[in-house]
Amino acid sequence: ERQTIAFNASIAPNIEDLSDYRIQAPLEYVLALAGAPKGLALTLGLRNIYDSKPDDDVEGNELRIYGGIRYDF
């Protein structure tokens, strides 16, 4: 009841070159804090970002881990 897990994916293609695109796929866990004001929650997640044609000094695939406190209103 206080917990949710969400996953989605989005793609952003280059309309002029369809072989050039970027995909973001976050997985997020949200836990509403007990005894806290409504809308206050702990958030933990993983976000995978893939770029089909990255710059020379950047990898094409990045995995980011994040956490924090959020307030939905």
Protein backbone atom coordinates (compact mmCIF):
# COMPACT_ATOMS: atom_id res chain seq x y z
CA GLU A 1 0.00 0.00 0.00
CA ARG A 2 2.89 2.39 0.77
CA GLN A 3 5.26 0.95 -1.85
CA THR A 4 5.43 1.23 -5.62
CA ILE A 5 7.81 -0.01 -8.29
CA ALA A 6 7.76 1.63 -11.69
CA PHE A 7 9.59 0.95 -14.93
CA ASN A 8 9.33 2.74 -18.25
CA ALA A 9 11.41 3.35 -21.32
CA SER A 10 11.58 6.20 -23.79
CA ILE A 11 13.37 6.60 -27.09
CA ALA A 12 14.45 9.86 -28.70
CA PRO A 13 15.41 9.29 -32.34
CA ASN A 14 17.12 11.74 -34.64
CA ILE A 15 14.50 12.23 -37.34
CA GLU A 16 17.16 12.92 -40.00
CA ASP A 17 19.19 9.79 -39.11
CA LEU A 18 17.13 7.00 -37.55
CA SER A 19 20.27 5.03 -36.66
CA ASP A 20 21.10 7.85 -34.19
CA TYR A 21 18.91 7.54 -31.10
CA ARG A 22 18.93 7.65 -27.30
CA ILE A 23 17.04 5.34 -24.96
CA GLN A 24 16.34 6.00 -21.27
CA ALA A 25 14.99 3.21 -19.08
CA PRO A 26 14.49 4.03 -15.39
CA LEU A 27 13.44 1.53 -12.71
CA GLU A 28 12.23 3.25 -9.53
CA TYR A 29 11.17 2.10 -6.06
CA VAL A 30 9.11 4.54 -3.97
CA LEU A 31 8.26 4.06 -0.29
CA ALA A 32 5.82 6.47 1.33
CA LEU A 33 7.20 7.44 4.75
CA ALA A 34 4.99 6.39 7.66
CA GLY A 35 4.00 9.20 10.00
CA ALA A 36 5.19 11.84 7.53
CA PRO A 37 3.01 14.34 5.68
CA LYS A 38 1.11 12.85 2.73
CA GLY A 39 3.22 12.89 -0.43
CA LEU A 40 6.62 12.52 1.30
CA ALA A 41 8.48 9.41 0.14
CA LEU A 42 11.88 7.75 -0.14
CA THR A 43 12.96 7.08 -3.74
CA LEU A 44 15.63 4.65 -4.98
CA GLY A 45 16.29 3.88 -8.59
CA LEU A 46 18.41 2.78 -11.51
CA ARG A 47 18.47 4.61 -14.82
CA ASN A 48 20.05 3.11 -17.90
CA ILE A 49 20.87 5.57 -20.68
CA TYR A 50 21.97 4.29 -24.08
CA ASP A 51 23.24 6.53 -26.87
CA SER A 52 23.68 4.83 -30.24
CA LYS A 53 26.27 7.37 -31.43
CA PRO A 54 28.09 8.80 -28.40
CA ASP A 55 30.84 11.40 -28.52
CA ASP A 56 34.38 9.99 -28.77
CA ASP A 57 35.19 10.48 -25.08
CA VAL A 58 31.90 9.07 -23.72
CA GLU A 59 30.65 5.49 -23.44
CA GLY A 60 27.45 4.60 -25.25
CA ASN A 61 25.84 3.04 -22.21
CA GLU A 62 25.56 4.60 -18.74
CA LEU A 63 23.99 3.11 -15.63
CA ARG A 64 23.09 5.64 -12.97
CA ILE A 65 22.02 4.82 -9.42
CA TYR A 66 20.16 7.42 -7.41
CA GLY A 67 18.25 7.91 -4.20
CA GLY A 68 16.51 10.70 -2.42
CA ILE A 69 13.44 12.06 -0.74
CA ARG A 70 10.57 13.32 -2.85
CA TYR A 71 7.38 15.20 -2.22
CA ASP A 72 4.40 14.75 -4.50
CA PHE A 73 1.75 17.44 -4.40
